[in-house]
């Protein structure tokens, strides 16, 4: 399943999916709070369903925003754990060796 997601959404598929969920939730939230003076835009969601969409979209937006923030990778780190990671800052780039996991450790 992970290989399919990587092919479809790229290597950072988690942030791509949560970013799309954020946009969708924000759209539904916006439609739920539209005043009736806007005309046809405000009636896209049936008035009896607006409170449900307001709550559900708000909750989904917060959850997807938190997950996106957790899964976002630092922009100044590249590489993988097998070869070491390249960390860049204002003084230059450094290759940092990452020790292998000790699976026997408690």
Protein backbone atom coordinates (compact mmCIF):
# COMPACT_ATOMS: atom_id res chain seq x y z
CA UNK A 1 0.00 0.00 0.00
CA UNK A 2 2.83 2.39 0.84
CA UNK A 3 4.49 1.85 -2.56
CA UNK A 4 1.23 2.75 -4.30
CA UNK A 5 0.89 5.93 -2.23
CA UNK A 6 4.49 6.91 -3.02
CA UNK A 7 3.82 6.42 -6.75
CA UNK A 8 0.58 8.41 -6.64
CA UNK A 9 1.43 11.25 -4.25
CA UNK A 10 5.23 11.31 -4.15
CA UNK A 11 7.74 10.50 -1.44
CA UNK A 12 6.13 12.81 1.08
CA UNK A 13 2.69 11.33 0.55
CA UNK A 14 1.59 11.86 4.15
CA UNK A 15 1.89 15.63 3.93
CA UNK A 16 0.30 15.62 0.46
CA UNK A 17 -2.74 13.71 1.67
CA UNK A 18 -3.16 15.79 4.83
CA UNK A 19 -2.71 18.98 2.81
CA UNK A 20 -5.51 17.92 0.46
CA UNK A 21 -7.68 17.03 3.46
CA UNK A 22 -7.01 20.50 4.90
CA UNK A 23 -8.09 22.17 1.68
CA UNK A 24 -11.23 20.06 1.39
CA UNK A 25 -12.19 20.65 5.04
CA UNK A 26 -11.58 24.39 4.69
CA UNK A 27 -13.80 24.46 1.59
CA UNK A 28 -16.65 22.67 3.37
CA UNK A 29 -16.19 24.90 6.42
CA UNK A 30 -16.39 27.98 4.22
CA UNK A 31 -19.54 26.72 2.51
CA UNK A 32 -21.10 25.96 5.89
CA UNK A 33 -20.57 29.50 7.19
CA UNK A 34 -21.65 31.31 3.99
CA UNK A 35 -24.42 33.79 4.69
CA UNK A 36 -27.62 33.44 2.69
CA UNK A 37 -27.10 36.89 1.15
CA UNK A 38 -24.48 35.39 -1.20
CA UNK A 39 -27.18 33.64 -3.18
CA UNK A 40 -26.49 30.32 -4.88
CA UNK A 41 -23.14 29.78 -3.16
CA UNK A 42 -24.78 29.62 0.25
CA UNK A 43 -27.30 27.00 -0.84
CA UNK A 44 -24.74 24.44 -2.07
CA UNK A 45 -25.14 22.75 1.31
CA UNK A 46 -28.70 22.24 2.47
CA UNK A 47 -29.48 24.54 5.44
CA UNK A 48 -30.42 21.61 7.65
CA UNK A 49 -26.95 20.07 7.06
CA UNK A 50 -24.94 23.26 7.67
CA UNK A 51 -24.44 22.71 11.44
CA UNK A 52 -23.14 19.19 10.77
CA UNK A 53 -20.73 20.39 8.07
CA UNK A 54 -19.62 23.25 10.31
CA UNK A 55 -18.63 20.89 13.14
CA UNK A 56 -17.27 18.03 11.01
CA UNK A 57 -15.22 20.27 8.72
CA UNK A 58 -13.80 22.19 11.67
CA UNK A 59 -12.73 19.00 13.43
CA UNK A 60 -11.29 17.49 10.23
CA UNK A 61 -9.37 20.68 9.50
CA UNK A 62 -7.76 20.77 12.93
CA UNK A 63 -6.82 17.07 12.85
CA UNK A 64 -5.35 17.24 9.34
CA UNK A 65 -3.47 20.44 10.18
CA UNK A 66 -1.89 18.85 13.26
CA UNK A 67 -0.94 15.69 11.35
CA UNK A 68 0.52 17.76 8.52
CA UNK A 69 2.63 19.72 10.99
CA UNK A 70 3.87 16.52 12.64
CA UNK A 71 4.75 14.80 9.34
CA UNK A 72 6.38 17.79 7.66
CA UNK A 73 10.09 17.16 7.19
CA UNK A 74 12.64 19.84 8.04
CA UNK A 75 13.67 21.68 4.87
CA UNK A 76 17.37 21.84 5.76
CA UNK A 77 17.84 18.05 6.11
CA UNK A 78 18.31 15.69 3.19
CA UNK A 79 19.63 12.18 2.68
CA UNK A 80 18.74 8.96 4.38
CA UNK A 81 19.83 7.08 7.45
CA UNK A 82 21.95 4.57 5.52
CA UNK A 83 24.35 7.12 4.01
CA UNK A 84 24.09 9.87 6.61
CA UNK A 85 22.10 13.06 6.50
CA UNK A 86 23.21 16.33 5.01
CA UNK A 87 22.34 19.23 7.27
CA UNK A 88 22.72 22.75 5.92
CA UNK A 89 22.86 25.97 7.88
CA UNK A 90 24.31 29.45 7.44
CA UNK A 91 27.90 28.18 7.85
CA UNK A 92 27.69 25.41 5.24
CA UNK A 93 26.67 21.82 4.79
CA UNK A 94 27.60 18.94 7.05
CA UNK A 95 27.18 15.21 6.63
CA UNK A 96 25.99 13.71 9.87
CA UNK A 97 26.47 9.98 10.39
CA UNK A 98 23.46 8.29 11.85
CA UNK A 99 24.23 5.22 13.97
CA UNK A 100 22.27 2.11 13.05
CA UNK A 101 19.39 1.01 15.24
CA UNK A 102 20.19 -1.58 17.84
CA UNK A 103 17.15 -3.80 17.66
CA UNK A 104 18.29 -5.84 20.66
CA UNK A 105 18.31 -2.82 22.97
CA UNK A 106 15.50 -2.44 25.46
